[in-house]
Amino acid sequence: MKKFSLITLTALALWGCGDGKKQEKLLLDSVIATHDKVMASDEQLMKNKMILDSIIKNAPTTVNIDSAKAYLKLVDDADDAMSDWMHKFDAENKGKSHQEIIDYLTDQKKKITIIDSQINMAVTSSNKYLNTTTKK
C-alpha cells in the first residue's frame, strides 16, 4: 500500500508540475500578447511626440504652447511607463516557485494592461489635439 501511495503521489506531483508549466506559459503568452499590442500603439505615440515637440519649438502665435506641453507630458508619461515596464520585466523567472511565477505574471499582466490603457488614452487625446491644431 505504501508503494502505491508513493507512486501515486509522485505521479500526481509530476502531472501537477507539467500542468503548472503550461499555466505559466499561457499566462506569459498573455502578457507578451498584450505587450505586442501596446508596441503597435507605441509607434503612433512616438509620431505624436515628434509632432508635439515640433509644435512647441516652432509654435506659431495661434497655438497655445501650454496645451501642447500638456499633451506632450501625457505622451511622455505613457512612453516612460512602457519603457520602465520593459526594463523591469523578467520573462525567465529563474529560481522562483510556480506560485511566485503565477503571482509575478499576474501582476505584470495587470501592469501592462494599465499601460495599454494609458497609451491608448495618450494617443487618442493627442490625436484629437493635433487634428484641431494642425488644421488651423
C-alpha atoms as a PDB file:
ATOM      1  CA  MET A   1       0.000   0.000   0.000  1.00  0.00           C
ATOM      2  CA  LYS A   2       2.872   2.376   0.796  1.00  0.00           C
ATOM      3  CA  LYS A   3       4.399   1.743  -2.643  1.00  0.00           C
ATOM      4  CA  PHE A   4       1.107   2.522  -4.344  1.00  0.00           C
ATOM      5  CA  SER A   5       0.706   5.743  -2.372  1.00  0.00           C
ATOM      6  CA  LEU A   6       4.265   6.846  -3.103  1.00  0.00           C
ATOM      7  CA  ILE A   7       3.865   6.116  -6.822  1.00  0.00           C
ATOM      8  CA  THR A   8       0.501   7.870  -6.885  1.00  0.00           C
ATOM      9  CA  LEU A   9       1.893  10.926  -5.092  1.00  0.00           C
ATOM     10  CA  THR A  10       4.903  11.063  -7.412  1.00  0.00           C
ATOM     11  CA  ALA A  11       2.696  10.774 -10.483  1.00  0.00           C
ATOM     12  CA  LEU A  12       0.376  13.477  -9.202  1.00  0.00           C
ATOM     13  CA  ALA A  13       3.319  15.755  -8.408  1.00  0.00           C
ATOM     14  CA  LEU A  14       4.771  15.302 -11.901  1.00  0.00           C
ATOM     15  CA  TRP A  15       1.391  15.774 -13.539  1.00  0.00           C
ATOM     16  CA  GLY A  16       0.766  18.908 -11.477  1.00  0.00           C
ATOM     17  CA  CYS A  17       4.211  20.240 -12.323  1.00  0.00           C
ATOM     18  CA  GLY A  18       3.633  19.809 -16.049  1.00  0.00           C
ATOM     19  CA  ASP A  19       0.236  21.435 -15.769  1.00  0.00           C
ATOM     20  CA  GLY A  20       1.833  24.262 -13.772  1.00  0.00           C
ATOM     21  CA  LYS A  21       4.363  24.892 -16.534  1.00  0.00           C
ATOM     22  CA  LYS A  22       1.534  25.020 -19.052  1.00  0.00           C
ATOM     23  CA  GLN A  23      -0.322  27.507 -16.850  1.00  0.00           C
ATOM     24  CA  GLU A  24       2.831  29.638 -16.546  1.00  0.00           C
ATOM     25  CA  LYS A  25       3.377  29.573 -20.322  1.00  0.00           C
ATOM     26  CA  LEU A  26      -0.226  30.547 -21.053  1.00  0.00           C
ATOM     27  CA  LEU A  27      -0.003  33.463 -18.638  1.00  0.00           C
ATOM     28  CA  LEU A  28       3.368  34.556 -20.041  1.00  0.00           C
ATOM     29  CA  ASP A  29       1.953  34.338 -23.583  1.00  0.00           C
ATOM     30  CA  SER A  30      -0.942  36.542 -22.494  1.00  0.00           C
ATOM     31  CA  VAL A  31       1.445  39.144 -21.045  1.00  0.00           C
ATOM     32  CA  ILE A  32       3.563  39.095 -24.209  1.00  0.00           C
ATOM     33  CA  ALA A  33       0.483  39.381 -26.442  1.00  0.00           C
ATOM     34  CA  THR A  34      -0.633  42.490 -24.545  1.00  0.00           C
ATOM     35  CA  HIS A  35       2.914  43.864 -24.786  1.00  0.00           C
ATOM     36  CA  ASP A  36       2.896  43.326 -28.552  1.00  0.00           C
ATOM     37  CA  LYS A  37      -0.454  45.124 -28.844  1.00  0.00           C
ATOM     38  CA  VAL A  38       0.932  48.036 -26.827  1.00  0.00           C
ATOM     39  CA  MET A  39       4.020  48.209 -29.019  1.00  0.00           C
ATOM     40  CA  ALA A  40       1.803  48.618 -32.076  1.00  0.00           C
ATOM     41  CA  SER A  41       0.239  51.699 -30.456  1.00  0.00           C
ATOM     42  CA  ASP A  42       3.669  52.938 -29.396  1.00  0.00           C
ATOM     43  CA  GLU A  43       4.513  53.849 -32.997  1.00  0.00           C
ATOM     44  CA  GLN A  44       1.653  56.368 -33.131  1.00  0.00           C
ATOM     45  CA  LEU A  45       2.652  57.624 -29.686  1.00  0.00           C
ATOM     46  CA  MET A  46       6.194  58.373 -30.909  1.00  0.00           C
ATOM     47  CA  LYS A  47       4.859  60.064 -34.040  1.00  0.00           C
ATOM     48  CA  ASN A  48       2.643  62.315 -31.931  1.00  0.00           C
ATOM     49  CA  LYS A  49       5.545  63.050 -29.608  1.00  0.00           C
ATOM     50  CA  MET A  50       7.677  64.283 -32.504  1.00  0.00           C
ATOM     51  CA  ILE A  51       4.861  66.470 -33.832  1.00  0.00           C
ATOM     52  CA  LEU A  52       4.173  67.945 -30.393  1.00  0.00           C
ATOM     53  CA  ASP A  53       7.891  68.649 -29.891  1.00  0.00           C
ATOM     54  CA  SER A  54       7.957  70.422 -33.237  1.00  0.00           C
ATOM     55  CA  ILE A  55       4.855  72.461 -32.406  1.00  0.00           C
ATOM     56  CA  ILE A  56       6.376  73.584 -29.108  1.00  0.00           C
ATOM     57  CA  LYS A  57       9.714  74.521 -30.684  1.00  0.00           C
ATOM     58  CA  ASN A  58       8.243  76.238 -33.739  1.00  0.00           C
ATOM     59  CA  ALA A  59       4.908  77.360 -32.353  1.00  0.00           C
ATOM     60  CA  PRO A  60       3.027  79.943 -34.345  1.00  0.00           C
ATOM     61  CA  THR A  61       1.312  82.572 -32.272  1.00  0.00           C
ATOM     62  CA  THR A  62      -2.059  80.885 -32.832  1.00  0.00           C
ATOM     63  CA  VAL A  63      -1.010  77.784 -30.873  1.00  0.00           C
ATOM     64  CA  ASN A  64      -1.449  77.538 -27.144  1.00  0.00           C
ATOM     65  CA  ILE A  65       2.001  76.333 -26.001  1.00  0.00           C
ATOM     66  CA  ASP A  66       0.670  75.238 -22.603  1.00  0.00           C
ATOM     67  CA  SER A  67      -1.824  72.887 -24.248  1.00  0.00           C
ATOM     68  CA  ALA A  68       0.852  71.393 -26.478  1.00  0.00           C
ATOM     69  CA  LYS A  69       3.097  70.896 -23.441  1.00  0.00           C
ATOM     70  CA  ALA A  70       0.271  69.228 -21.513  1.00  0.00           C
ATOM     71  CA  TYR A  71      -0.328  66.753 -24.343  1.00  0.00           C
ATOM     72  CA  LEU A  72       3.403  66.173 -24.684  1.00  0.00           C
ATOM     73  CA  LYS A  73       3.592  65.342 -20.977  1.00  0.00           C
ATOM     74  CA  LEU A  74       0.702  62.896 -21.394  1.00  0.00           C
ATOM     75  CA  VAL A  75       2.537  61.219 -24.275  1.00  0.00           C
ATOM     76  CA  ASP A  76       5.891  61.242 -22.440  1.00  0.00           C
ATOM     77  CA  ASP A  77       4.361  59.735 -19.298  1.00  0.00           C
ATOM     78  CA  ALA A  78       2.831  56.893 -21.307  1.00  0.00           C
ATOM     79  CA  ASP A  79       6.107  56.280 -23.141  1.00  0.00           C
ATOM     80  CA  ASP A  80       8.055  56.340 -19.869  1.00  0.00           C
ATOM     81  CA  ALA A  81       5.638  53.861 -18.277  1.00  0.00           C
ATOM     82  CA  MET A  82       6.123  51.440 -21.157  1.00  0.00           C
ATOM     83  CA  SER A  83       9.889  51.836 -21.158  1.00  0.00           C
ATOM     84  CA  ASP A  84      10.072  51.361 -17.386  1.00  0.00           C
ATOM     85  CA  TRP A  85       7.908  48.225 -17.554  1.00  0.00           C
ATOM     86  CA  MET A  86      10.009  46.735 -20.347  1.00  0.00           C
ATOM     87  CA  HIS A  87      13.275  47.312 -18.458  1.00  0.00           C
ATOM     88  CA  LYS A  88      11.941  45.690 -15.302  1.00  0.00           C
ATOM     89  CA  PHE A  89      10.066  42.763 -16.885  1.00  0.00           C
ATOM     90  CA  ASP A  90      11.665  39.338 -16.330  1.00  0.00           C
ATOM     91  CA  ALA A  91      10.290  36.633 -18.614  1.00  0.00           C
ATOM     92  CA  GLU A  92      12.645  33.954 -17.289  1.00  0.00           C
ATOM     93  CA  ASN A  93      11.661  33.858 -13.599  1.00  0.00           C
ATOM     94  CA  LYS A  94      14.585  31.581 -12.750  1.00  0.00           C
ATOM     95  CA  GLY A  95      14.636  30.158  -9.251  1.00  0.00           C
ATOM     96  CA  LYS A  96      11.036  31.042  -8.479  1.00  0.00           C
ATOM     97  CA  SER A  97       8.351  28.638  -7.388  1.00  0.00           C
ATOM     98  CA  HIS A  98       5.282  28.023  -9.522  1.00  0.00           C
ATOM     99  CA  GLN A  99       3.161  30.235  -7.263  1.00  0.00           C
ATOM    100  CA  GLU A 100       5.752  33.039  -7.334  1.00  0.00           C
ATOM    101  CA  ILE A 101       5.804  32.879 -11.137  1.00  0.00           C
ATOM    102  CA  ILE A 102       1.997  32.933 -11.356  1.00  0.00           C
ATOM    103  CA  ASP A 103       1.823  35.850  -8.908  1.00  0.00           C
ATOM    104  CA  TYR A 104       4.537  37.753 -10.794  1.00  0.00           C
ATOM    105  CA  LEU A 105       2.992  37.204 -14.215  1.00  0.00           C
ATOM    106  CA  THR A 106      -0.488  38.080 -12.940  1.00  0.00           C
ATOM    107  CA  ASP A 107       0.916  41.334 -11.562  1.00  0.00           C
ATOM    108  CA  GLN A 108       2.740  42.028 -14.841  1.00  0.00           C
ATOM    109  CA  LYS A 109      -0.443  41.370 -16.811  1.00  0.00           C
ATOM    110  CA  LYS A 110      -2.238  43.977 -14.697  1.00  0.00           C
ATOM    111  CA  LYS A 111       0.595  46.473 -15.157  1.00  0.00           C
ATOM    112  CA  ILE A 112       0.861  46.078 -18.934  1.00  0.00           C
ATOM    113  CA  THR A 113      -2.929  46.310 -19.243  1.00  0.00           C
ATOM    114  CA  ILE A 114      -2.854  49.619 -17.357  1.00  0.00           C
ATOM    115  CA  ILE A 115      -0.037  50.842 -19.614  1.00  0.00           C
ATOM    116  CA  ASP A 116      -2.074  49.776 -22.653  1.00  0.00           C
ATOM    117  CA  SER A 117      -4.951  51.950 -21.442  1.00  0.00           C
ATOM    118  CA  GLN A 118      -2.576  54.817 -20.663  1.00  0.00           C
ATOM    119  CA  ILE A 119      -1.017  54.693 -24.133  1.00  0.00           C
ATOM    120  CA  ASN A 120      -4.399  54.409 -25.855  1.00  0.00           C
ATOM    121  CA  MET A 121      -5.658  57.425 -23.933  1.00  0.00           C
ATOM    122  CA  ALA A 122      -2.496  59.418 -24.719  1.00  0.00           C
ATOM    123  CA  VAL A 123      -2.717  58.558 -28.433  1.00  0.00           C
ATOM    124  CA  THR A 124      -6.432  59.331 -28.651  1.00  0.00           C
ATOM    125  CA  SER A 125      -6.141  62.614 -26.744  1.00  0.00           C
ATOM    126  CA  SER A 126      -3.052  63.820 -28.568  1.00  0.00           C
ATOM    127  CA  ASN A 127      -4.567  62.841 -31.943  1.00  0.00           C
ATOM    128  CA  LYS A 128      -7.639  64.961 -31.190  1.00  0.00           C
ATOM    129  CA  TYR A 129      -5.462  67.893 -30.142  1.00  0.00           C
ATOM    130  CA  LEU A 130      -3.187  67.557 -33.175  1.00  0.00           C
ATOM    131  CA  ASN A 131      -6.149  67.308 -35.547  1.00  0.00           C
ATOM    132  CA  THR A 132      -7.524  70.608 -34.278  1.00  0.00           C
ATOM    133  CA  THR A 133      -4.126  72.312 -34.036  1.00  0.00           C
ATOM    134  CA  THR A 134      -2.588  71.312 -37.330  1.00  0.00           C
ATOM    135  CA  LYS A 135      -5.731  72.106 -39.367  1.00  0.00           C
ATOM    136  CA  LYS A 136      -5.752  75.767 -38.360  1.00  0.00           C
END
